[in-house]
């Protein structure tokens, strides 16, 4: 295809058509791959959860490791960002060891 012979407007139109076709083909390819994966799993007696390594059970919540000394309902697992109350107590001279359950 000799693109230099096309006008700017024609090229933009062609680009839009190509992008639309790529999206459609991507959708088709993914659907085809999904079908093949499901058929292969089924042929081997596997569920999709087994293929993906997901356990069938519900995850147990992480137990709290730290508790506010004056407000025992305020706890923290030690994961993620420190809650404001933890930061305030650390700033006041407490240590995480002091807050440990």
PDB file of N, CA and C in Angstrom:
ATOM      1  N   UNK A   1       0.845  -1.164   0.000  1.00  0.00           N
ATOM      2  CA  UNK A   1       0.000   0.000   0.000  1.00  0.00           C
ATOM      3  C   UNK A   1       0.901   1.242   0.000  1.00  0.00           C
ATOM      4  N   UNK A   2       0.634   2.135  -0.842  1.00  0.00           N
ATOM      5  CA  UNK A   2       1.423   3.360  -0.939  1.00  0.00           C
ATOM      6  C   UNK A   2       0.730   4.463  -0.144  1.00  0.00           C
ATOM      7  N   UNK A   3       1.141   4.608   1.096  1.00  0.00           N
ATOM      8  CA  UNK A   3       0.483   5.536   2.006  1.00  0.00           C
ATOM      9  C   UNK A   3       0.721   6.993   1.630  1.00  0.00           C
ATOM     10  N   UNK A   4       1.845   7.294   1.016  1.00  0.00           N
ATOM     11  CA  UNK A   4       2.156   8.690   0.690  1.00  0.00           C
ATOM     12  C   UNK A   4       1.186   9.288  -0.330  1.00  0.00           C
ATOM     13  N   UNK A   5       0.418   8.463  -0.991  1.00  0.00           N
ATOM     14  CA  UNK A   5      -0.552   8.950  -1.976  1.00  0.00           C
ATOM     15  C   UNK A   5      -1.881   9.347  -1.333  1.00  0.00           C
ATOM     16  N   UNK A   6      -2.061   9.011  -0.075  1.00  0.00           N
ATOM     17  CA  UNK A   6      -3.323   9.312   0.609  1.00  0.00           C
ATOM     18  C   UNK A   6      -3.263  10.673   1.291  1.00  0.00           C
ATOM     19  N   UNK A   7      -4.438  11.308   1.405  1.00  0.00           N
ATOM     20  CA  UNK A   7      -4.513  12.597   2.096  1.00  0.00           C
ATOM     21  C   UNK A   7      -4.425  12.362   3.602  1.00  0.00           C
ATOM     22  N   UNK A   8      -4.201  13.435   4.322  1.00  0.00           N
ATOM     23  CA  UNK A   8      -4.127  13.377   5.779  1.00  0.00           C
ATOM     24  C   UNK A   8      -5.443  12.827   6.344  1.00  0.00           C
ATOM     25  N   UNK A   9      -6.567  13.323   5.860  1.00  0.00           N
ATOM     26  CA  UNK A   9      -7.880  12.875   6.330  1.00  0.00           C
ATOM     27  C   UNK A   9      -8.075  11.385   6.060  1.00  0.00           C
ATOM     28  N   UNK A  10      -7.636  10.938   4.873  1.00  0.00           N
ATOM     29  CA  UNK A  10      -7.752   9.517   4.538  1.00  0.00           C
ATOM     30  C   UNK A  10      -6.911   8.670   5.494  1.00  0.00           C
ATOM     31  N   UNK A  11      -5.717   9.153   5.813  1.00  0.00           N
ATOM     32  CA  UNK A  11      -4.838   8.415   6.719  1.00  0.00           C
ATOM     33  C   UNK A  11      -5.427   8.329   8.130  1.00  0.00           C
ATOM     34  N   UNK A  12      -6.030   9.435   8.590  1.00  0.00           N
ATOM     35  CA  UNK A  12      -6.670   9.402   9.905  1.00  0.00           C
ATOM     36  C   UNK A  12      -7.834   8.419   9.926  1.00  0.00           C
ATOM     37  N   UNK A  13      -8.608   8.409   8.851  1.00  0.00           N
ATOM     38  CA  UNK A  13      -9.722   7.481   8.732  1.00  0.00           C
ATOM     39  C   UNK A  13      -9.211   6.040   8.724  1.00  0.00           C
ATOM     40  N   UNK A  14      -8.146   5.810   7.981  1.00  0.00           N
ATOM     41  CA  UNK A  14      -7.550   4.477   7.901  1.00  0.00           C
ATOM     42  C   UNK A  14      -7.036   4.047   9.281  1.00  0.00           C
ATOM     43  N   UNK A  15      -6.402   4.975   9.996  1.00  0.00           N
ATOM     44  CA  UNK A  15      -5.905   4.691  11.333  1.00  0.00           C
ATOM     45  C   UNK A  15      -7.043   4.275  12.257  1.00  0.00           C
ATOM     46  N   UNK A  16      -8.159   4.995  12.213  1.00  0.00           N
ATOM     47  CA  UNK A  16      -9.316   4.680  13.050  1.00  0.00           C
ATOM     48  C   UNK A  16      -9.861   3.293  12.720  1.00  0.00           C
ATOM     49  N   UNK A  17      -9.915   2.973  11.410  1.00  0.00           N
ATOM     50  CA  UNK A  17     -10.405   1.663  10.987  1.00  0.00           C
ATOM     51  C   UNK A  17      -9.482   0.550  11.478  1.00  0.00           C
ATOM     52  N   UNK A  18      -8.170   0.789  11.389  1.00  0.00           N
ATOM     53  CA  UNK A  18      -7.197  -0.207  11.832  1.00  0.00           C
ATOM     54  C   UNK A  18      -7.323  -0.424  13.341  1.00  0.00           C
ATOM     55  N   UNK A  19      -7.439   0.652  14.114  1.00  0.00           N
ATOM     56  CA  UNK A  19      -7.570   0.527  15.560  1.00  0.00           C
ATOM     57  C   UNK A  19      -8.841  -0.229  15.940  1.00  0.00           C
ATOM     58  N   UNK A  20      -9.933   0.036  15.254  1.00  0.00           N
ATOM     59  CA  UNK A  20     -11.185  -0.664  15.506  1.00  0.00           C
ATOM     60  C   UNK A  20     -11.042  -2.144  15.200  1.00  0.00           C
ATOM     61  N   UNK A  21     -10.392  -2.456  14.087  1.00  0.00           N
ATOM     62  CA  UNK A  21     -10.192  -3.854  13.694  1.00  0.00           C
ATOM     63  C   UNK A  21      -9.271  -4.570  14.678  1.00  0.00           C
ATOM     64  N   UNK A  22      -8.242  -3.892  15.151  1.00  0.00           N
ATOM     65  CA  UNK A  22      -7.324  -4.495  16.126  1.00  0.00           C
ATOM     66  C   UNK A  22      -8.076  -4.844  17.407  1.00  0.00           C
ATOM     67  N   UNK A  23      -8.924  -3.935  17.881  1.00  0.00           N
ATOM     68  CA  UNK A  23      -9.699  -4.198  19.101  1.00  0.00           C
ATOM     69  C   UNK A  23     -10.632  -5.385  18.911  1.00  0.00           C
ATOM     70  N   UNK A  24     -11.273  -5.457  17.764  1.00  0.00           N
ATOM     71  CA  UNK A  24     -12.188  -6.561  17.481  1.00  0.00           C
ATOM     72  C   UNK A  24     -11.434  -7.884  17.432  1.00  0.00           C
ATOM     73  N   UNK A  25     -10.295  -7.887  16.777  1.00  0.00           N
ATOM     74  CA  UNK A  25      -9.497  -9.116  16.677  1.00  0.00           C
ATOM     75  C   UNK A  25      -8.937  -9.525  18.036  1.00  0.00           C
ATOM     76  N   UNK A  26      -8.534  -8.538  18.838  1.00  0.00           N
ATOM     77  CA  UNK A  26      -8.027  -8.838  20.174  1.00  0.00           C
ATOM     78  C   UNK A  26      -9.115  -9.529  20.992  1.00  0.00           C
ATOM     79  N   UNK A  27     -10.339  -9.006  20.914  1.00  0.00           N
ATOM     80  CA  UNK A  27     -11.468  -9.597  21.627  1.00  0.00           C
ATOM     81  C   UNK A  27     -11.693 -11.037  21.150  1.00  0.00           C
ATOM     82  N   UNK A  28     -11.658 -11.252  19.845  1.00  0.00           N
ATOM     83  CA  UNK A  28     -11.851 -12.591  19.274  1.00  0.00           C
ATOM     84  C   UNK A  28     -10.755 -13.548  19.736  1.00  0.00           C
ATOM     85  N   UNK A  29      -9.501 -13.088  19.709  1.00  0.00           N
ATOM     86  CA  UNK A  29      -8.372 -13.936  20.096  1.00  0.00           C
ATOM     87  C   UNK A  29      -8.456 -14.315  21.578  1.00  0.00           C
ATOM     88  N   UNK A  30      -8.834 -13.361  22.405  1.00  0.00           N
ATOM     89  CA  UNK A  30      -8.953 -13.652  23.833  1.00  0.00           C
ATOM     90  C   UNK A  30     -10.081 -14.641  24.092  1.00  0.00           C
ATOM     91  N   UNK A  31     -11.204 -14.479  23.397  1.00  0.00           N
ATOM     92  CA  UNK A  31     -12.331 -15.396  23.564  1.00  0.00           C
ATOM     93  C   UNK A  31     -11.937 -16.806  23.112  1.00  0.00           C
ATOM     94  N   UNK A  32     -11.206 -16.882  22.013  1.00  0.00           N
ATOM     95  CA  UNK A  32     -10.745 -18.168  21.495  1.00  0.00           C
ATOM     96  C   UNK A  32      -9.779 -18.829  22.481  1.00  0.00           C
ATOM     97  N   UNK A  33      -8.851 -18.055  23.034  1.00  0.00           N
ATOM     98  CA  UNK A  33      -7.891 -18.592  23.992  1.00  0.00           C
ATOM     99  C   UNK A  33      -8.594 -19.066  25.253  1.00  0.00           C
ATOM    100  N   UNK A  34      -9.569 -18.285  25.724  1.00  0.00           N
ATOM    101  CA  UNK A  34     -10.322 -18.654  26.921  1.00  0.00           C
ATOM    102  C   UNK A  34     -11.051 -19.974  26.712  1.00  0.00           C
ATOM    103  N   UNK A  35     -11.651 -20.125  25.542  1.00  0.00           N
ATOM    104  CA  UNK A  35     -12.374 -21.354  25.227  1.00  0.00           C
ATOM    105  C   UNK A  35     -11.416 -22.548  25.215  1.00  0.00           C
ATOM    106  N   UNK A  36     -10.245 -22.378  24.616  1.00  0.00           N
ATOM    107  CA  UNK A  36      -9.256 -23.450  24.572  1.00  0.00           C
ATOM    108  C   UNK A  36      -8.779 -23.831  25.969  1.00  0.00           C
ATOM    109  N   UNK A  37      -8.548 -22.830  26.800  1.00  0.00           N
ATOM    110  CA  UNK A  37      -8.087 -23.086  28.168  1.00  0.00           C
ATOM    111  C   UNK A  37      -9.155 -23.845  28.942  1.00  0.00           C
ATOM    112  N   UNK A  38     -10.402 -23.408  28.816  1.00  0.00           N
ATOM    113  CA  UNK A  38     -11.493 -24.070  29.532  1.00  0.00           C
ATOM    114  C   UNK A  38     -11.653 -25.520  29.066  1.00  0.00           C
ATOM    115  N   UNK A  39     -11.549 -25.750  27.764  1.00  0.00           N
ATOM    116  CA  UNK A  39     -11.671 -27.108  27.231  1.00  0.00           C
ATOM    117  C   UNK A  39     -10.529 -27.994  27.720  1.00  0.00           C
ATOM    118  N   UNK A  40      -9.324 -27.457  27.745  1.00  0.00           N
ATOM    119  CA  UNK A  40      -8.167 -28.213  28.211  1.00  0.00           C
ATOM    120  C   UNK A  40      -8.301 -28.547  29.697  1.00  0.00           C
ATOM    121  N   UNK A  41      -8.727 -27.569  30.483  1.00  0.00           N
ATOM    122  CA  UNK A  41      -8.919 -27.807  31.918  1.00  0.00           C
ATOM    123  C   UNK A  41      -9.992 -28.874  32.140  1.00  0.00           C
ATOM    124  N   UNK A  42     -11.082 -28.747  31.410  1.00  0.00           N
ATOM    125  CA  UNK A  42     -12.189 -29.700  31.549  1.00  0.00           C
ATOM    126  C   UNK A  42     -11.741 -31.108  31.156  1.00  0.00           C
ATOM    127  N   UNK A  43     -10.945 -31.212  30.103  1.00  0.00           N
ATOM    128  CA  UNK A  43     -10.457 -32.512  29.638  1.00  0.00           C
ATOM    129  C   UNK A  43      -9.591 -33.196  30.691  1.00  0.00           C
ATOM    130  N   UNK A  44      -8.966 -32.409  31.537  1.00  0.00           N
ATOM    131  CA  UNK A  44      -8.106 -32.960  32.582  1.00  0.00           C
ATOM    132  C   UNK A  44      -8.787 -32.962  33.947  1.00  0.00           C
ATOM    133  N   UNK A  45     -10.069 -32.650  33.982  1.00  0.00           N
ATOM    134  CA  UNK A  45     -10.833 -32.700  35.213  1.00  0.00           C
ATOM    135  C   UNK A  45     -10.502 -31.589  36.195  1.00  0.00           C
ATOM    136  N   UNK A  46     -10.072 -30.449  35.681  1.00  0.00           N
ATOM    137  CA  UNK A  46      -9.712 -29.328  36.539  1.00  0.00           C
ATOM    138  C   UNK A  46     -10.777 -28.242  36.500  1.00  0.00           C
ATOM    139  N   UNK A  47     -10.957 -27.579  37.638  1.00  0.00           N
ATOM    140  CA  UNK A  47     -11.812 -26.396  37.664  1.00  0.00           C
ATOM    141  C   UNK A  47     -10.928 -25.188  37.386  1.00  0.00           C
ATOM    142  N   UNK A  48     -11.536 -24.083  37.029  1.00  0.00           N
ATOM    143  CA  UNK A  48     -10.759 -22.875  36.758  1.00  0.00           C
ATOM    144  C   UNK A  48     -10.055 -22.409  38.029  1.00  0.00           C
ATOM    145  N   UNK A  49     -10.671 -22.631  39.187  1.00  0.00           N
ATOM    146  CA  UNK A  49     -10.045 -22.266  40.452  1.00  0.00           C
ATOM    147  C   UNK A  49      -8.771 -23.070  40.675  1.00  0.00           C
ATOM    148  N   UNK A  50      -8.806 -24.362  40.322  1.00  0.00           N
ATOM    149  CA  UNK A  50      -7.621 -25.198  40.462  1.00  0.00           C
ATOM    150  C   UNK A  50      -6.523 -24.753  39.502  1.00  0.00           C
ATOM    151  N   UNK A  51      -6.905 -24.360  38.304  1.00  0.00           N
ATOM    152  CA  UNK A  51      -5.933 -23.905  37.316  1.00  0.00           C
ATOM    153  C   UNK A  51      -5.266 -22.617  37.786  1.00  0.00           C
ATOM    154  N   UNK A  52      -6.056 -21.727  38.351  1.00  0.00           N
ATOM    155  CA  UNK A  52      -5.530 -20.440  38.797  1.00  0.00           C
ATOM    156  C   UNK A  52      -4.875 -20.516  40.168  1.00  0.00           C
ATOM    157  N   UNK A  53      -4.985 -21.660  40.827  1.00  0.00           N
ATOM    158  CA  UNK A  53      -4.350 -21.826  42.120  1.00  0.00           C
ATOM    159  C   UNK A  53      -5.121 -21.203  43.260  1.00  0.00           C
ATOM    160  N   UNK A  54      -6.391 -20.910  43.034  1.00  0.00           N
ATOM    161  CA  UNK A  54      -7.210 -20.329  44.103  1.00  0.00           C
ATOM    162  C   UNK A  54      -7.731 -21.453  44.977  1.00  0.00           C
ATOM    163  N   UNK A  55      -7.647 -21.263  46.273  1.00  0.00           N
ATOM    164  CA  UNK A  55      -8.210 -22.247  47.182  1.00  0.00           C
ATOM    165  C   UNK A  55      -9.712 -22.021  47.251  1.00  0.00           C
ATOM    166  N   UNK A  56     -10.424 -23.068  47.558  1.00  0.00           N
ATOM    167  CA  UNK A  56     -11.869 -22.970  47.610  1.00  0.00           C
ATOM    168  C   UNK A  56     -12.385 -22.274  48.851  1.00  0.00           C
ATOM    169  N   UNK A  57     -11.549 -22.174  49.869  1.00  0.00           N
ATOM    170  CA  UNK A  57     -11.999 -21.610  51.132  1.00  0.00           C
ATOM    171  C   UNK A  57     -11.892 -20.102  51.177  1.00  0.00           C
ATOM    172  N   UNK A  58     -12.435 -19.579  52.238  1.00  0.00           N
ATOM    173  CA  UNK A  58     -12.389 -18.140  52.469  1.00  0.00           C
ATOM    174  C   UNK A  58     -11.122 -17.837  53.265  1.00  0.00           C
ATOM    175  N   UNK A  59     -10.453 -16.769  52.913  1.00  0.00           N
ATOM    176  CA  UNK A  59      -9.248 -16.390  53.634  1.00  0.00           C
ATOM    177  C   UNK A  59      -9.597 -15.947  55.045  1.00  0.00           C
ATOM    178  N   UNK A  60      -8.762 -16.374  55.973  1.00  0.00           N
ATOM    179  CA  UNK A  60      -8.936 -15.980  57.360  1.00  0.00           C
ATOM    180  C   UNK A  60      -8.386 -14.565  57.526  1.00  0.00           C
ATOM    181  N   UNK A  61      -9.110 -13.703  58.185  1.00  0.00           N
ATOM    182  CA  UNK A  61      -8.594 -12.346  58.396  1.00  0.00           C
ATOM    183  C   UNK A  61      -7.303 -12.387  59.211  1.00  0.00           C
ATOM    184  N   UNK A  62      -6.425 -11.447  58.935  1.00  0.00           N
ATOM    185  CA  UNK A  62      -5.166 -11.361  59.656  1.00  0.00           C
ATOM    186  C   UNK A  62      -5.452 -10.865  61.069  1.00  0.00           C
ATOM    187  N   UNK A  63      -4.836 -11.517  62.031  1.00  0.00           N
ATOM    188  CA  UNK A  63      -5.048 -11.134  63.425  1.00  0.00           C
ATOM    189  C   UNK A  63      -4.281  -9.866  63.748  1.00  0.00           C
ATOM    190  N   UNK A  64      -4.841  -9.071  64.638  1.00  0.00           N
ATOM    191  CA  UNK A  64      -4.199  -7.828  65.057  1.00  0.00           C
ATOM    192  C   UNK A  64      -2.952  -8.148  65.881  1.00  0.00           C
ATOM    193  N   UNK A  65      -1.922  -7.339  65.686  1.00  0.00           N
ATOM    194  CA  UNK A  65      -0.675  -7.494  66.436  1.00  0.00           C
ATOM    195  C   UNK A  65      -0.475  -6.361  67.439  1.00  0.00           C
ATOM    196  N   UNK A  66      -1.187  -5.262  67.212  1.00  0.00           N
ATOM    197  CA  UNK A  66      -1.000  -4.085  68.060  1.00  0.00           C
ATOM    198  C   UNK A  66      -2.355  -3.557  68.518  1.00  0.00           C
ATOM    199  N   UNK A  67      -2.367  -3.013  69.751  1.00  0.00           N
ATOM    200  CA  UNK A  67      -3.608  -2.496  70.323  1.00  0.00           C
ATOM    201  C   UNK A  67      -3.301  -1.189  71.043  1.00  0.00           C
ATOM    202  N   UNK A  68      -4.245  -0.260  70.938  1.00  0.00           N
ATOM    203  CA  UNK A  68      -4.116   1.020  71.649  1.00  0.00           C
ATOM    204  C   UNK A  68      -4.245   0.750  73.143  1.00  0.00           C
ATOM    205  N   UNK A  69      -3.320   1.281  73.962  1.00  0.00           N
ATOM    206  CA  UNK A  69      -3.355   0.985  75.395  1.00  0.00           C
ATOM    207  C   UNK A  69      -4.618   1.457  76.113  1.00  0.00           C
ATOM    208  N   UNK A  70      -5.168   2.615  75.742  1.00  0.00           N
ATOM    209  CA  UNK A  70      -6.357   3.133  76.415  1.00  0.00           C
ATOM    210  C   UNK A  70      -7.663   2.775  75.694  1.00  0.00           C
ATOM    211  N   UNK A  71      -7.574   2.419  74.423  1.00  0.00           N
ATOM    212  CA  UNK A  71      -8.770   2.097  73.626  1.00  0.00           C
ATOM    213  C   UNK A  71      -8.558   0.735  72.960  1.00  0.00           C
ATOM    214  N   UNK A  72      -8.857  -0.353  73.675  1.00  0.00           N
ATOM    215  CA  UNK A  72      -8.568  -1.696  73.166  1.00  0.00           C
ATOM    216  C   UNK A  72      -9.294  -2.064  71.867  1.00  0.00           C
ATOM    217  N   UNK A  73     -10.326  -1.316  71.519  1.00  0.00           N
ATOM    218  CA  UNK A  73     -11.038  -1.600  70.261  1.00  0.00           C
ATOM    219  C   UNK A  73     -10.229  -1.150  69.047  1.00  0.00           C
ATOM    220  N   UNK A  74      -9.222  -0.308  69.281  1.00  0.00           N
ATOM    221  CA  UNK A  74      -8.376   0.192  68.193  1.00  0.00           C
ATOM    222  C   UNK A  74      -7.183  -0.741  68.031  1.00  0.00           C
ATOM    223  N   UNK A  75      -7.196  -1.521  66.930  1.00  0.00           N
ATOM    224  CA  UNK A  75      -6.128  -2.480  66.694  1.00  0.00           C
ATOM    225  C   UNK A  75      -5.525  -2.269  65.317  1.00  0.00           C
ATOM    226  N   UNK A  76      -4.382  -2.901  65.119  1.00  0.00           N
ATOM    227  CA  UNK A  76      -3.687  -2.832  63.821  1.00  0.00           C
ATOM    228  C   UNK A  76      -2.977  -4.154  63.607  1.00  0.00           C
ATOM    229  N   UNK A  77      -3.024  -4.658  62.377  1.00  0.00           N
ATOM    230  CA  UNK A  77      -2.401  -5.942  62.052  1.00  0.00           C
ATOM    231  C   UNK A  77      -0.892  -5.831  61.853  1.00  0.00           C
ATOM    232  N   UNK A  78      -0.408  -4.618  61.659  1.00  0.00           N
ATOM    233  CA  UNK A  78       1.007  -4.445  61.367  1.00  0.00           C
ATOM    234  C   UNK A  78       1.273  -4.410  59.877  1.00  0.00           C
ATOM    235  N   UNK A  79       0.219  -4.530  59.097  1.00  0.00           N
ATOM    236  CA  UNK A  79       0.344  -4.491  57.636  1.00  0.00           C
ATOM    237  C   UNK A  79      -0.152  -3.146  57.118  1.00  0.00           C
ATOM    238  N   UNK A  80       0.440  -2.701  56.028  1.00  0.00           N
ATOM    239  CA  UNK A  80       0.006  -1.452  55.414  1.00  0.00           C
ATOM    240  C   UNK A  80       0.482  -0.247  56.209  1.00  0.00           C
ATOM    241  N   UNK A  81      -0.097   0.895  55.909  1.00  0.00           N
ATOM    242  CA  UNK A  81       0.283   2.143  56.586  1.00  0.00           C
ATOM    243  C   UNK A  81      -0.096   2.097  58.052  1.00  0.00           C
ATOM    244  N   UNK A  82       0.732   2.716  58.854  1.00  0.00           N
ATOM    245  CA  UNK A  82       0.432   2.801  60.286  1.00  0.00           C
ATOM    246  C   UNK A  82      -0.786   3.700  60.472  1.00  0.00           C
ATOM    247  N   UNK A  83      -1.739   3.272  61.300  1.00  0.00           N
ATOM    248  CA  UNK A  83      -2.871   4.147  61.609  1.00  0.00           C
ATOM    249  C   UNK A  83      -2.386   5.397  62.333  1.00  0.00           C
ATOM    250  N   UNK A  84      -3.191   6.426  62.292  1.00  0.00           N
ATOM    251  CA  UNK A  84      -2.841   7.701  62.927  1.00  0.00           C
ATOM    252  C   UNK A  84      -2.559   7.488  64.403  1.00  0.00           C
ATOM    253  N   UNK A  85      -3.365   6.690  65.080  1.00  0.00           N
ATOM    254  CA  UNK A  85      -3.159   6.489  66.514  1.00  0.00           C
ATOM    255  C   UNK A  85      -1.808   5.852  66.796  1.00  0.00           C
ATOM    256  N   UNK A  86      -1.342   4.955  65.936  1.00  0.00           N
ATOM    257  CA  UNK A  86      -0.022   4.336  66.109  1.00  0.00           C
ATOM    258  C   UNK A  86       1.056   5.398  65.921  1.00  0.00           C
ATOM    259  N   UNK A  87       0.934   6.181  64.881  1.00  0.00           N
ATOM    260  CA  UNK A  87       1.917   7.236  64.620  1.00  0.00           C
ATOM    261  C   UNK A  87       1.984   8.219  65.781  1.00  0.00           C
ATOM    262  N   UNK A  88       0.821   8.589  66.326  1.00  0.00           N
ATOM    263  CA  UNK A  88       0.783   9.539  67.445  1.00  0.00           C
ATOM    264  C   UNK A  88       1.471   8.959  68.684  1.00  0.00           C
ATOM    265  N   UNK A  89       1.205   7.682  68.982  1.00  0.00           N
ATOM    266  CA  UNK A  89       1.823   7.064  70.154  1.00  0.00           C
ATOM    267  C   UNK A  89       3.329   6.887  69.959  1.00  0.00           C
ATOM    268  N   UNK A  90       3.754   6.561  68.748  1.00  0.00           N
ATOM    269  CA  UNK A  90       5.194   6.447  68.481  1.00  0.00           C
ATOM    270  C   UNK A  90       5.868   7.804  68.637  1.00  0.00           C
ATOM    271  N   UNK A  91       5.202   8.849  68.173  1.00  0.00           N
ATOM    272  CA  UNK A  91       5.745  10.209  68.311  1.00  0.00           C
ATOM    273  C   UNK A  91       5.829  10.629  69.779  1.00  0.00           C
ATOM    274  N   UNK A  92       4.939  10.086  70.595  1.00  0.00           N
ATOM    275  CA  UNK A  92       4.910  10.415  72.023  1.00  0.00           C
ATOM    276  C   UNK A  92       5.919   9.591  72.817  1.00  0.00           C
ATOM    277  N   UNK A  93       6.705   8.766  72.144  1.00  0.00           N
ATOM    278  CA  UNK A  93       7.747   8.018  72.834  1.00  0.00           C
ATOM    279  C   UNK A  93       7.465   6.540  73.028  1.00  0.00           C
ATOM    280  N   UNK A  94       6.290   6.070  72.661  1.00  0.00           N
ATOM    281  CA  UNK A  94       5.993   4.644  72.754  1.00  0.00           C
ATOM    282  C   UNK A  94       6.735   3.905  71.646  1.00  0.00           C
ATOM    283  N   UNK A  95       6.886   2.587  71.806  1.00  0.00           N
ATOM    284  CA  UNK A  95       7.473   1.747  70.757  1.00  0.00           C
ATOM    285  C   UNK A  95       6.416   0.747  70.299  1.00  0.00           C
ATOM    286  N   UNK A  96       6.651   0.131  69.161  1.00  0.00           N
ATOM    287  CA  UNK A  96       5.720  -0.896  68.702  1.00  0.00           C
ATOM    288  C   UNK A  96       5.662  -2.038  69.720  1.00  0.00           C
ATOM    289  N   UNK A  97       6.779  -2.289  70.383  1.00  0.00           N
ATOM    290  CA  UNK A  97       6.802  -3.328  71.419  1.00  0.00           C
ATOM    291  C   UNK A  97       5.811  -2.992  72.533  1.00  0.00           C
ATOM    292  N   UNK A  98       5.692  -1.697  72.862  1.00  0.00           N
ATOM    293  CA  UNK A  98       4.740  -1.267  73.895  1.00  0.00           C
ATOM    294  C   UNK A  98       3.295  -1.513  73.468  1.00  0.00           C
ATOM    295  N   UNK A  99       3.043  -1.500  72.179  1.00  0.00           N
ATOM    296  CA  UNK A  99       1.679  -1.650  71.659  1.00  0.00           C
ATOM    297  C   UNK A  99       1.341  -3.091  71.286  1.00  0.00           C
ATOM    298  N   UNK A 100       2.320  -3.965  71.329  1.00  0.00           N
ATOM    299  CA  UNK A 100       2.119  -5.350  70.907  1.00  0.00           C
ATOM    300  C   UNK A 100       1.095  -6.036  71.793  1.00  0.00           C
ATOM    301  N   UNK A 101       0.312  -6.879  71.180  1.00  0.00           N
ATOM    302  CA  UNK A 101      -0.723  -7.642  71.913  1.00  0.00           C
ATOM    303  C   UNK A 101      -0.062  -8.852  72.542  1.00  0.00           C
TER     304      UNK A 101
END
